[in-house]
Amino acid sequence: MAKGKQFGGFGGGGNMQQLMRQAQKMQEDLARAQEELDQKEYEASSGGGMVSCRVSGKRELLSLSIKPEAVDPDDVEMLEDMVMAAVNEALRLGEETREKTMAALAPGGMGGLL
């Protein structure tokens, strides 16, 4: 091995150390962002506000509210659809925020890996 040629062309240890520091900082930033995202809450409603819900950044249903006038014993299926729509929209909002946040932290071209 030629002198000064180490690690496939990475010369002295300075560049490697700098690269390692950058990778560690990125890892810390990603972990901090993940924590912040887990603490967020997202709300959505359906049926003109007849059904509303709140989910956490951890993708857990925190609350579900159904107005009494939304309850029709002869049309339970419509109520089920409204609940599903509200929960899915709240989860979608959370996931969209998560993807945007993580993509902003990732170096170019790595957004799809997170």
PDB file of N, CA and C in Angstrom:
ATOM      1  N   MET A   1       0.854  -1.181   0.000  1.00  0.00           N
ATOM      2  CA  MET A   1       0.000   0.000   0.000  1.00  0.00           C
ATOM      3  C   MET A   1       0.890   1.230   0.000  1.00  0.00           C
ATOM      4  N   ALA A   2       0.583   2.169  -0.872  1.00  0.00           N
ATOM      5  CA  ALA A   2       1.382   3.382  -0.979  1.00  0.00           C
ATOM      6  C   ALA A   2       1.170   4.239   0.253  1.00  0.00           C
ATOM      7  N   LYS A   3       2.237   4.927   0.627  1.00  0.00           N
ATOM      8  CA  LYS A   3       2.175   5.788   1.791  1.00  0.00           C
ATOM      9  C   LYS A   3       1.166   6.919   1.578  1.00  0.00           C
ATOM     10  N   GLY A   4       0.350   7.216   2.571  1.00  0.00           N
ATOM     11  CA  GLY A   4      -0.618   8.298   2.470  1.00  0.00           C
ATOM     12  C   GLY A   4      -1.936   7.859   1.841  1.00  0.00           C
ATOM     13  N   LYS A   5      -1.989   6.655   1.274  1.00  0.00           N
ATOM     14  CA  LYS A   5      -3.236   6.155   0.666  1.00  0.00           C
ATOM     15  C   LYS A   5      -3.868   5.172   1.632  1.00  0.00           C
ATOM     16  N   GLN A   6      -4.904   5.606   2.306  1.00  0.00           N
ATOM     17  CA  GLN A   6      -5.608   4.756   3.245  1.00  0.00           C
ATOM     18  C   GLN A   6      -7.096   4.857   2.979  1.00  0.00           C
ATOM     19  N   PHE A   7      -7.827   3.832   3.339  1.00  0.00           N
ATOM     20  CA  PHE A   7      -9.278   3.845   3.249  1.00  0.00           C
ATOM     21  C   PHE A   7      -9.774   4.217   1.854  1.00  0.00           C
ATOM     22  N   GLY A   8      -9.197   3.594   0.840  1.00  0.00           N
ATOM     23  CA  GLY A   8      -9.688   3.785  -0.521  1.00  0.00           C
ATOM     24  C   GLY A   8      -9.619   5.218  -1.004  1.00  0.00           C
ATOM     25  N   GLY A   9      -8.544   5.912  -0.719  1.00  0.00           N
ATOM     26  CA  GLY A   9      -8.375   7.248  -1.235  1.00  0.00           C
ATOM     27  C   GLY A   9      -8.666   8.343  -0.222  1.00  0.00           C
ATOM     28  N   PHE A  10      -9.189   7.999   0.937  1.00  0.00           N
ATOM     29  CA  PHE A  10      -9.343   9.008   1.973  1.00  0.00           C
ATOM     30  C   PHE A  10      -7.979   9.186   2.608  1.00  0.00           C
ATOM     31  N   GLY A  11      -7.332  10.249   2.316  1.00  0.00           N
ATOM     32  CA  GLY A  11      -5.981  10.499   2.799  1.00  0.00           C
ATOM     33  C   GLY A  11      -5.877  10.407   4.297  1.00  0.00           C
ATOM     34  N   GLY A  12      -5.294  11.374   4.922  1.00  0.00           N
ATOM     35  CA  GLY A  12      -5.100  11.371   6.364  1.00  0.00           C
ATOM     36  C   GLY A  12      -6.415  11.246   7.121  1.00  0.00           C
ATOM     37  N   GLY A  13      -6.302  11.103   8.416  1.00  0.00           N
ATOM     38  CA  GLY A  13      -7.469  10.889   9.254  1.00  0.00           C
ATOM     39  C   GLY A  13      -8.361  12.107   9.406  1.00  0.00           C
ATOM     40  N   GLY A  14      -7.879  13.307   9.024  1.00  0.00           N
ATOM     41  CA  GLY A  14      -8.655  14.530   9.206  1.00  0.00           C
ATOM     42  C   GLY A  14      -9.993  14.492   8.494  1.00  0.00           C
ATOM     43  N   ASN A  15      -9.987  14.098   7.228  1.00  0.00           N
ATOM     44  CA  ASN A  15     -11.238  14.039   6.467  1.00  0.00           C
ATOM     45  C   ASN A  15     -12.180  12.997   7.042  1.00  0.00           C
ATOM     46  N   MET A  16     -11.640  11.863   7.444  1.00  0.00           N
ATOM     47  CA  MET A  16     -12.462  10.798   7.999  1.00  0.00           C
ATOM     48  C   MET A  16     -13.071  11.241   9.320  1.00  0.00           C
ATOM     49  N   GLN A  17     -12.286  11.938  10.143  1.00  0.00           N
ATOM     50  CA  GLN A  17     -12.809  12.431  11.416  1.00  0.00           C
ATOM     51  C   GLN A  17     -13.917  13.449  11.197  1.00  0.00           C
ATOM     52  N   GLN A  18     -13.729  14.328  10.219  1.00  0.00           N
ATOM     53  CA  GLN A  18     -14.748  15.334   9.916  1.00  0.00           C
ATOM     54  C   GLN A  18     -16.019  14.650   9.420  1.00  0.00           C
ATOM     55  N   LEU A  19     -15.869  13.647   8.583  1.00  0.00           N
ATOM     56  CA  LEU A  19     -17.015  12.898   8.067  1.00  0.00           C
ATOM     57  C   LEU A  19     -17.745  12.201   9.211  1.00  0.00           C
ATOM     58  N   MET A  20     -17.015  11.632  10.139  1.00  0.00           N
ATOM     59  CA  MET A  20     -17.622  10.959  11.288  1.00  0.00           C
ATOM     60  C   MET A  20     -18.366  11.953  12.179  1.00  0.00           C
ATOM     61  N   ARG A  21     -17.798  13.147  12.382  1.00  0.00           N
ATOM     62  CA  ARG A  21     -18.469  14.176  13.180  1.00  0.00           C
ATOM     63  C   ARG A  21     -19.772  14.608  12.510  1.00  0.00           C
ATOM     64  N   GLN A  22     -19.723  14.779  11.179  1.00  0.00           N
ATOM     65  CA  GLN A  22     -20.927  15.164  10.444  1.00  0.00           C
ATOM     66  C   GLN A  22     -21.995  14.080  10.540  1.00  0.00           C
ATOM     67  N   ALA A  23     -21.584  12.828  10.426  1.00  0.00           N
ATOM     68  CA  ALA A  23     -22.534  11.714  10.522  1.00  0.00           C
ATOM     69  C   ALA A  23     -23.138  11.656  11.921  1.00  0.00           C
ATOM     70  N   GLN A  24     -22.334  11.871  12.945  1.00  0.00           N
ATOM     71  CA  GLN A  24     -22.837  11.858  14.324  1.00  0.00           C
ATOM     72  C   GLN A  24     -23.818  13.000  14.547  1.00  0.00           C
ATOM     73  N   LYS A  25     -23.505  14.196  14.027  1.00  0.00           N
ATOM     74  CA  LYS A  25     -24.404  15.338  14.172  1.00  0.00           C
ATOM     75  C   LYS A  25     -25.723  15.058  13.459  1.00  0.00           C
ATOM     76  N   MET A  26     -25.656  14.486  12.264  1.00  0.00           N
ATOM     77  CA  MET A  26     -26.877  14.173  11.531  1.00  0.00           C
ATOM     78  C   MET A  26     -27.713  13.163  12.306  1.00  0.00           C
ATOM     79  N   GLN A  27     -27.061  12.176  12.893  1.00  0.00           N
ATOM     80  CA  GLN A  27     -27.773  11.172  13.679  1.00  0.00           C
ATOM     81  C   GLN A  27     -28.454  11.824  14.887  1.00  0.00           C
ATOM     82  N   GLU A  28     -27.765  12.746  15.548  1.00  0.00           N
ATOM     83  CA  GLU A  28     -28.344  13.452  16.693  1.00  0.00           C
ATOM     84  C   GLU A  28     -29.523  14.322  16.260  1.00  0.00           C
ATOM     85  N   ASP A  29     -29.373  15.011  15.120  1.00  0.00           N
ATOM     86  CA  ASP A  29     -30.461  15.849  14.598  1.00  0.00           C
ATOM     87  C   ASP A  29     -31.686  15.008  14.256  1.00  0.00           C
ATOM     88  N   LEU A  30     -31.457  13.856  13.640  1.00  0.00           N
ATOM     89  CA  LEU A  30     -32.562  12.969  13.287  1.00  0.00           C
ATOM     90  C   LEU A  30     -33.270  12.443  14.535  1.00  0.00           C
ATOM     91  N   ALA A  31     -32.494  12.083  15.554  1.00  0.00           N
ATOM     92  CA  ALA A  31     -33.092  11.578  16.798  1.00  0.00           C
ATOM     93  C   ALA A  31     -33.912  12.669  17.480  1.00  0.00           C
ATOM     94  N   ARG A  32     -33.400  13.902  17.483  1.00  0.00           N
ATOM     95  CA  ARG A  32     -34.116  15.017  18.091  1.00  0.00           C
ATOM     96  C   ARG A  32     -35.415  15.298  17.318  1.00  0.00           C
ATOM     97  N   ALA A  33     -35.328  15.273  15.997  1.00  0.00           N
ATOM     98  CA  ALA A  33     -36.520  15.499  15.168  1.00  0.00           C
ATOM     99  C   ALA A  33     -37.556  14.409  15.411  1.00  0.00           C
ATOM    100  N   GLN A  34     -37.088  13.170  15.528  1.00  0.00           N
ATOM    101  CA  GLN A  34     -38.005  12.047  15.780  1.00  0.00           C
ATOM    102  C   GLN A  34     -38.741  12.254  17.103  1.00  0.00           C
ATOM    103  N   GLU A  35     -38.018  12.674  18.127  1.00  0.00           N
ATOM    104  CA  GLU A  35     -38.634  12.938  19.435  1.00  0.00           C
ATOM    105  C   GLU A  35     -39.687  14.035  19.336  1.00  0.00           C
ATOM    106  N   GLU A  36     -39.338  15.119  18.635  1.00  0.00           N
ATOM    107  CA  GLU A  36     -40.271  16.232  18.479  1.00  0.00           C
ATOM    108  C   GLU A  36     -41.515  15.797  17.704  1.00  0.00           C
ATOM    109  N   LEU A  37     -41.324  15.005  16.658  1.00  0.00           N
ATOM    110  CA  LEU A  37     -42.454  14.525  15.865  1.00  0.00           C
ATOM    111  C   LEU A  37     -43.357  13.615  16.691  1.00  0.00           C
ATOM    112  N   ASP A  38     -42.763  12.788  17.539  1.00  0.00           N
ATOM    113  CA  ASP A  38     -43.549  11.893  18.391  1.00  0.00           C
ATOM    114  C   ASP A  38     -44.425  12.669  19.366  1.00  0.00           C
ATOM    115  N   GLN A  39     -44.015  13.883  19.743  1.00  0.00           N
ATOM    116  CA  GLN A  39     -44.760  14.695  20.709  1.00  0.00           C
ATOM    117  C   GLN A  39     -45.903  15.484  20.069  1.00  0.00           C
ATOM    118  N   LYS A  40     -45.876  15.624  18.754  1.00  0.00           N
ATOM    119  CA  LYS A  40     -46.910  16.423  18.076  1.00  0.00           C
ATOM    120  C   LYS A  40     -48.253  15.706  18.087  1.00  0.00           C
ATOM    121  N   GLU A  41     -49.304  16.502  17.905  1.00  0.00           N
ATOM    122  CA  GLU A  41     -50.657  15.958  17.818  1.00  0.00           C
ATOM    123  C   GLU A  41     -51.317  16.527  16.567  1.00  0.00           C
ATOM    124  N   TYR A  42     -52.172  15.720  15.945  1.00  0.00           N
ATOM    125  CA  TYR A  42     -52.839  16.092  14.707  1.00  0.00           C
ATOM    126  C   TYR A  42     -54.332  15.851  14.866  1.00  0.00           C
ATOM    127  N   GLU A  43     -55.128  16.802  14.394  1.00  0.00           N
ATOM    128  CA  GLU A  43     -56.577  16.701  14.499  1.00  0.00           C
ATOM    129  C   GLU A  43     -57.194  16.684  13.115  1.00  0.00           C
ATOM    130  N   ALA A  44     -58.298  15.976  12.988  1.00  0.00           N
ATOM    131  CA  ALA A  44     -59.062  15.955  11.750  1.00  0.00           C
ATOM    132  C   ALA A  44     -60.511  15.659  12.082  1.00  0.00           C
ATOM    133  N   SER A  45     -61.391  16.026  11.153  1.00  0.00           N
ATOM    134  CA  SER A  45     -62.808  15.739  11.347  1.00  0.00           C
ATOM    135  C   SER A  45     -63.422  15.316  10.026  1.00  0.00           C
ATOM    136  N   SER A  46     -64.618  14.772  10.106  1.00  0.00           N
ATOM    137  CA  SER A  46     -65.349  14.368   8.908  1.00  0.00           C
ATOM    138  C   SER A  46     -66.834  14.575   9.149  1.00  0.00           C
ATOM    139  N   GLY A  47     -67.605  14.430   8.082  1.00  0.00           N
ATOM    140  CA  GLY A  47     -69.048  14.600   8.219  1.00  0.00           C
ATOM    141  C   GLY A  47     -69.422  15.993   8.660  1.00  0.00           C
ATOM    142  N   GLY A  48     -68.682  16.993   8.171  1.00  0.00           N
ATOM    143  CA  GLY A  48     -68.993  18.365   8.563  1.00  0.00           C
ATOM    144  C   GLY A  48     -68.771  18.626  10.041  1.00  0.00           C
ATOM    145  N   GLY A  49     -67.823  17.933  10.651  1.00  0.00           N
ATOM    146  CA  GLY A  49     -67.523  18.115  12.067  1.00  0.00           C
ATOM    147  C   GLY A  49     -68.300  17.188  12.982  1.00  0.00           C
ATOM    148  N   MET A  50     -69.060  16.275  12.398  1.00  0.00           N
ATOM    149  CA  MET A  50     -69.838  15.325  13.210  1.00  0.00           C
ATOM    150  C   MET A  50     -68.918  14.369  13.977  1.00  0.00           C
ATOM    151  N   VAL A  51     -67.799  14.026  13.356  1.00  0.00           N
ATOM    152  CA  VAL A  51     -66.819  13.134  13.978  1.00  0.00           C
ATOM    153  C   VAL A  51     -65.468  13.843  13.926  1.00  0.00           C
ATOM    154  N   SER A  52     -64.791  13.882  15.049  1.00  0.00           N
ATOM    155  CA  SER A  52     -63.450  14.458  15.075  1.00  0.00           C
ATOM    156  C   SER A  52     -62.547  13.579  15.927  1.00  0.00           C
ATOM    157  N   CYS A  53     -61.258  13.656  15.623  1.00  0.00           N
ATOM    158  CA  CYS A  53     -60.303  12.847  16.381  1.00  0.00           C
ATOM    159  C   CYS A  53     -58.977  13.576  16.480  1.00  0.00           C
ATOM    160  N   ARG A  54     -58.156  13.063  17.368  1.00  0.00           N
ATOM    161  CA  ARG A  54     -56.813  13.587  17.591  1.00  0.00           C
ATOM    162  C   ARG A  54     -55.885  12.382  17.687  1.00  0.00           C
ATOM    163  N   VAL A  55     -54.763  12.434  16.946  1.00  0.00           N
ATOM    164  CA  VAL A  55     -53.777  11.358  16.993  1.00  0.00           C
ATOM    165  C   VAL A  55     -52.422  11.944  17.368  1.00  0.00           C
ATOM    166  N   SER A  56     -51.565  11.098  17.904  1.00  0.00           N
ATOM    167  CA  SER A  56     -50.217  11.534  18.274  1.00  0.00           C
ATOM    168  C   SER A  56     -49.256  11.277  17.125  1.00  0.00           C
ATOM    169  N   GLY A  57     -48.090  11.879  17.237  1.00  0.00           N
ATOM    170  CA  GLY A  57     -47.029  11.635  16.265  1.00  0.00           C
ATOM    171  C   GLY A  57     -46.552  10.200  16.304  1.00  0.00           C
ATOM    172  N   LYS A  58     -46.903   9.483  17.360  1.00  0.00           N
ATOM    173  CA  LYS A  58     -46.564   8.058  17.462  1.00  0.00           C
ATOM    174  C   LYS A  58     -47.622   7.192  16.798  1.00  0.00           C
ATOM    175  N   ARG A  59     -48.561   7.865  16.095  1.00  0.00           N
ATOM    176  CA  ARG A  59     -49.628   7.182  15.359  1.00  0.00           C
ATOM    177  C   ARG A  59     -50.605   6.455  16.282  1.00  0.00           C
ATOM    178  N   GLU A  60     -50.907   7.089  17.420  1.00  0.00           N
ATOM    179  CA  GLU A  60     -51.879   6.539  18.366  1.00  0.00           C
ATOM    180  C   GLU A  60     -53.091   7.439  18.416  1.00  0.00           C
ATOM    181  N   LEU A  61     -54.282   6.847  18.443  1.00  0.00           N
ATOM    182  CA  LEU A  61     -55.512   7.608  18.572  1.00  0.00           C
ATOM    183  C   LEU A  61     -55.609   8.115  20.006  1.00  0.00           C
ATOM    184  N   LEU A  62     -55.658   9.437  20.175  1.00  0.00           N
ATOM    185  CA  LEU A  62     -55.708  10.040  21.509  1.00  0.00           C
ATOM    186  C   LEU A  62     -57.136  10.351  21.943  1.00  0.00           C
ATOM    187  N   SER A  63     -57.952  10.797  20.999  1.00  0.00           N
ATOM    188  CA  SER A  63     -59.340  11.089  21.331  1.00  0.00           C
ATOM    189  C   SER A  63     -60.217  10.927  20.103  1.00  0.00           C
ATOM    190  N   LEU A  64     -61.477  10.637  20.372  1.00  0.00           N
ATOM    191  CA  LEU A  64     -62.473  10.477  19.321  1.00  0.00           C
ATOM    192  C   LEU A  64     -63.759  11.095  19.842  1.00  0.00           C
ATOM    193  N   SER A  65     -64.325  12.015  19.071  1.00  0.00           N
ATOM    194  CA  SER A  65     -65.546  12.693  19.480  1.00  0.00           C
ATOM    195  C   SER A  65     -66.609  12.497  18.405  1.00  0.00           C
ATOM    196  N   ILE A  66     -67.786  12.057  18.824  1.00  0.00           N
ATOM    197  CA  ILE A  66     -68.898  11.827  17.902  1.00  0.00           C
ATOM    198  C   ILE A  66     -70.098  12.615  18.426  1.00  0.00           C
ATOM    199  N   LYS A  67     -70.598  13.519  17.595  1.00  0.00           N
ATOM    200  CA  LYS A  67     -71.778  14.291  18.001  1.00  0.00           C
ATOM    201  C   LYS A  67     -72.986  13.353  18.017  1.00  0.00           C
ATOM    202  N   PRO A  68     -73.856  13.510  18.996  1.00  0.00           N
ATOM    203  CA  PRO A  68     -75.017  12.615  19.122  1.00  0.00           C
ATOM    204  C   PRO A  68     -75.865  12.525  17.854  1.00  0.00           C
ATOM    205  N   GLU A  69     -75.993  13.621  17.138  1.00  0.00           N
ATOM    206  CA  GLU A  69     -76.817  13.586  15.929  1.00  0.00           C
ATOM    207  C   GLU A  69     -76.199  12.764  14.801  1.00  0.00           C
ATOM    208  N   ALA A  70     -74.924  12.375  14.963  1.00  0.00           N
ATOM    209  CA  ALA A  70     -74.279  11.517  13.965  1.00  0.00           C
ATOM    210  C   ALA A  70     -74.654  10.046  14.165  1.00  0.00           C
ATOM    211  N   VAL A  71     -75.244   9.745  15.311  1.00  0.00           N
ATOM    212  CA  VAL A  71     -75.578   8.361  15.635  1.00  0.00           C
ATOM    213  C   VAL A  71     -76.998   8.052  15.154  1.00  0.00           C
ATOM    214  N   ASP A  72     -77.039   7.269  14.103  1.00  0.00           N
ATOM    215  CA  ASP A  72     -78.323   6.830  13.539  1.00  0.00           C
ATOM    216  C   ASP A  72     -78.313   5.302  13.578  1.00  0.00           C
ATOM    217  N   PRO A  73     -79.109   4.690  14.446  1.00  0.00           N
ATOM    218  CA  PRO A  73     -79.098   3.226  14.560  1.00  0.00           C
ATOM    219  C   PRO A  73     -79.423   2.515  13.243  1.00  0.00           C
ATOM    220  N   ASP A  74     -80.093   3.220  12.340  1.00  0.00           N
ATOM    221  CA  ASP A  74     -80.435   2.613  11.057  1.00  0.00           C
ATOM    222  C   ASP A  74     -79.326   2.783  10.022  1.00  0.00           C
ATOM    223  N   ASP A  75     -78.263   3.562  10.355  1.00  0.00           N
ATOM    224  CA  ASP A  75     -77.178   3.779   9.395  1.00  0.00           C
ATOM    225  C   ASP A  75     -75.825   3.788  10.108  1.00  0.00           C
ATOM    226  N   VAL A  76     -75.522   2.703  10.776  1.00  0.00           N
ATOM    227  CA  VAL A  76     -74.254   2.568  11.494  1.00  0.00           C
ATOM    228  C   VAL A  76     -73.078   2.642  10.517  1.00  0.00           C
ATOM    229  N   GLU A  77     -73.282   2.156   9.323  1.00  0.00           N
ATOM    230  CA  GLU A  77     -72.209   2.147   8.328  1.00  0.00           C
ATOM    231  C   GLU A  77     -71.716   3.566   8.022  1.00  0.00           C
ATOM    232  N   MET A  78     -72.601   4.529   7.938  1.00  0.00           N
ATOM    233  CA  MET A  78     -72.185   5.907   7.681  1.00  0.00           C
ATOM    234  C   MET A  78     -71.328   6.426   8.831  1.00  0.00           C
ATOM    235  N   LEU A  79     -71.696   6.133  10.065  1.00  0.00           N
ATOM    236  CA  LEU A  79     -70.903   6.546  11.227  1.00  0.00           C
ATOM    237  C   LEU A  79     -69.528   5.896  11.176  1.00  0.00           C
ATOM    238  N   GLU A  80     -69.472   4.629  10.860  1.00  0.00           N
ATOM    239  CA  GLU A  80     -68.184   3.934  10.742  1.00  0.00           C
ATOM    240  C   GLU A  80     -67.309   4.606   9.685  1.00  0.00           C
ATOM    241  N   ASP A  81     -67.911   4.966   8.560  1.00  0.00           N
ATOM    242  CA  ASP A  81     -67.163   5.628   7.482  1.00  0.00           C
ATOM    243  C   ASP A  81     -66.620   6.980   7.931  1.00  0.00           C
ATOM    244  N   MET A  82     -67.438   7.736   8.690  1.00  0.00           N
ATOM    245  CA  MET A  82     -66.981   9.045   9.169  1.00  0.00           C
ATOM    246  C   MET A  82     -65.826   8.895  10.163  1.00  0.00           C
ATOM    247  N   VAL A  83     -65.914   7.903  11.034  1.00  0.00           N
ATOM    248  CA  VAL A  83     -64.833   7.664  11.994  1.00  0.00           C
ATOM    249  C   VAL A  83     -63.553   7.294  11.250  1.00  0.00           C
ATOM    250  N   MET A  84     -63.684   6.380  10.310  1.00  0.00           N
ATOM    251  CA  MET A  84     -62.522   5.956   9.540  1.00  0.00           C
ATOM    252  C   MET A  84     -61.910   7.133   8.772  1.00  0.00           C
ATOM    253  N   ALA A  85     -62.731   7.954   8.166  1.00  0.00           N
ATOM    254  CA  ALA A  85     -62.238   9.098   7.397  1.00  0.00           C
ATOM    255  C   ALA A  85     -61.485  10.087   8.286  1.00  0.00           C
ATOM    256  N   ALA A  86     -62.034  10.383   9.456  1.00  0.00           N
ATOM    257  CA  ALA A  86     -61.383  11.328  10.362  1.00  0.00           C
ATOM    258  C   ALA A  86     -60.040  10.786  10.863  1.00  0.00           C
ATOM    259  N   VAL A  87     -60.026   9.542  11.284  1.00  0.00           N
ATOM    260  CA  VAL A  87     -58.787   8.945  11.798  1.00  0.00           C
ATOM    261  C   VAL A  87     -57.739   8.862  10.697  1.00  0.00           C
ATOM    262  N   ASN A  88     -58.124   8.409   9.519  1.00  0.00           N
ATOM    263  CA  ASN A  88     -57.157   8.298   8.416  1.00  0.00           C
ATOM    264  C   ASN A  88     -56.603   9.659   8.013  1.00  0.00           C
ATOM    265  N   GLU A  89     -57.423  10.699   8.025  1.00  0.00           N
ATOM    266  CA  GLU A  89     -56.943  12.036   7.675  1.00  0.00           C
ATOM    267  C   GLU A  89     -55.962  12.549   8.722  1.00  0.00           C
ATOM    268  N   ALA A  90     -56.243  12.348   9.987  1.00  0.00           N
ATOM    269  CA  ALA A  90     -55.319  12.776  11.045  1.00  0.00           C
ATOM    270  C   ALA A  90     -53.986  12.034  10.932  1.00  0.00           C
ATOM    271  N   LEU A  91     -54.044  10.739  10.676  1.00  0.00           N
ATOM    272  CA  LEU A  91     -52.811   9.960  10.499  1.00  0.00           C
ATOM    273  C   LEU A  91     -52.040  10.422   9.269  1.00  0.00           C
ATOM    274  N   ARG A  92     -52.759  10.743   8.191  1.00  0.00           N
ATOM    275  CA  ARG A  92     -52.107  11.225   6.967  1.00  0.00           C
ATOM    276  C   ARG A  92     -51.391  12.544   7.219  1.00  0.00           C
ATOM    277  N   LEU A  93     -52.033  13.445   7.964  1.00  0.00           N
ATOM    278  CA  LEU A  93     -51.405  14.725   8.300  1.00  0.00           C
ATOM    279  C   LEU A  93     -50.112  14.517   9.085  1.00  0.00           C
ATOM    280  N   GLY A  94     -50.158  13.618  10.042  1.00  0.00           N
ATOM    281  CA  GLY A  94     -48.963  13.321  10.832  1.00  0.00           C
ATOM    282  C   GLY A  94     -47.858  12.735   9.991  1.00  0.00           C
ATOM    283  N   GLU A  95     -48.199  11.817   9.105  1.00  0.00           N
ATOM    284  CA  GLU A  95     -47.193  11.175   8.260  1.00  0.00           C
ATOM    285  C   GLU A  95     -46.588  12.172   7.278  1.00  0.00           C
ATOM    286  N   GLU A  96     -47.410  13.047   6.743  1.00  0.00           N
ATOM    287  CA  GLU A  96     -46.922  14.072   5.812  1.00  0.00           C
ATOM    288  C   GLU A  96     -45.914  14.988   6.512  1.00  0.00           C
ATOM    289  N   THR A  97     -46.228  15.396   7.730  1.00  0.00           N
ATOM    290  CA  THR A  97     -45.318  16.242   8.512  1.00  0.00           C
ATOM    291  C   THR A  97     -44.017  15.502   8.796  1.00  0.00           C
ATOM    292  N   ARG A  98     -44.121  14.229   9.164  1.00  0.00           N
ATOM    293  CA  ARG A  98     -42.940  13.411   9.453  1.00  0.00           C
ATOM    294  C   ARG A  98     -42.041  13.318   8.216  1.00  0.00           C
ATOM    295  N   GLU A  99     -42.623  13.028   7.072  1.00  0.00           N
ATOM    296  CA  GLU A  99     -41.841  12.885   5.837  1.00  0.00           C
ATOM    297  C   GLU A  99     -41.143  14.180   5.461  1.00  0.00           C
ATOM    298  N   LYS A 100     -41.840  15.304   5.560  1.00  0.00           N
ATOM    299  CA  LYS A 100     -41.239  16.600   5.217  1.00  0.00           C
ATOM    300  C   LYS A 100     -40.094  16.940   6.163  1.00  0.00           C
ATOM    301  N   THR A 101     -40.302  16.693   7.451  1.00  0.00           N
ATOM    302  CA  THR A 101     -39.271  17.008   8.439  1.00  0.00           C
ATOM    303  C   THR A 101     -38.027  16.166   8.218  1.00  0.00           C
ATOM    304  N   MET A 102     -38.209  14.877   8.034  1.00  0.00           N
ATOM    305  CA  MET A 102     -37.064  13.992   7.854  1.00  0.00           C
ATOM    306  C   MET A 102     -36.352  14.262   6.525  1.00  0.00           C
ATOM    307  N   ALA A 103     -37.101  14.555   5.476  1.00  0.00           N
ATOM    308  CA  ALA A 103     -36.474  14.849   4.181  1.00  0.00           C
ATOM    309  C   ALA A 103     -35.635  16.104   4.261  1.00  0.00           C
ATOM    310  N   ALA A 104     -36.067  17.072   5.050  1.00  0.00           N
ATOM    311  CA  ALA A 104     -35.317  18.309   5.187  1.00  0.00           C
ATOM    312  C   ALA A 104     -33.989  18.082   5.924  1.00  0.00           C
ATOM    313  N   LEU A 105     -33.937  17.083   6.771  1.00  0.00           N
ATOM    314  CA  LEU A 105     -32.719  16.803   7.535  1.00  0.00           C
ATOM    315  C   LEU A 105     -31.746  15.902   6.789  1.00  0.00           C
ATOM    316  N   ALA A 106     -32.253  15.143   5.834  1.00  0.00           N
ATOM    317  CA  ALA A 106     -31.420  14.166   5.129  1.00  0.00           C
ATOM    318  C   ALA A 106     -30.558  14.854   4.084  1.00  0.00           C
ATOM    319  N   PRO A 107     -29.335  14.382   3.923  1.00  0.00           N
ATOM    320  CA  PRO A 107     -28.500  14.934   2.855  1.00  0.00           C
ATOM    321  C   PRO A 107     -29.103  14.583   1.511  1.00  0.00           C
ATOM    322  N   GLY A 108     -28.795  15.352   0.485  1.00  0.00           N
ATOM    323  CA  GLY A 108     -29.365  15.158  -0.846  1.00  0.00           C
ATOM    324  C   GLY A 108     -29.409  13.713  -1.282  1.00  0.00           C
ATOM    325  N   GLY A 109     -30.569  13.300  -1.770  1.00  0.00           N
ATOM    326  CA  GLY A 109     -30.715  11.943  -2.298  1.00  0.00           C
ATOM    327  C   GLY A 109     -31.034  10.888  -1.269  1.00  0.00           C
ATOM    328  N   MET A 110     -31.025  11.207   0.025  1.00  0.00           N
ATOM    329  CA  MET A 110     -31.284  10.179   1.030  1.00  0.00           C
ATOM    330  C   MET A 110     -32.698  10.246   1.597  1.00  0.00           C
ATOM    331  N   GLY A 111     -33.495  11.231   1.154  1.00  0.00           N
ATOM    332  CA  GLY A 111     -34.829  11.411   1.701  1.00  0.00           C
ATOM    333  C   GLY A 111     -35.672  10.168   1.642  1.00  0.00           C
ATOM    334  N   GLY A 112     -35.535   9.371   0.577  1.00  0.00           N
ATOM    335  CA  GLY A 112     -36.322   8.154   0.439  1.00  0.00           C
ATOM    336  C   GLY A 112     -35.916   7.044   1.385  1.00  0.00           C
ATOM    337  N   LEU A 113     -34.760   7.159   1.987  1.00  0.00           N
ATOM    338  CA  LEU A 113     -34.288   6.114   2.907  1.00  0.00           C
ATOM    339  C   LEU A 113     -34.859   6.267   4.299  1.00  0.00           C
ATOM    340  N   LEU A 114     -35.426   7.437   4.610  1.00  0.00           N
ATOM    341  CA  LEU A 114     -35.904   7.693   5.973  1.00  0.00           C
ATOM    342  C   LEU A 114     -37.377   7.442   6.103  1.00  0.00           C
TER     343      LEU A 114
END
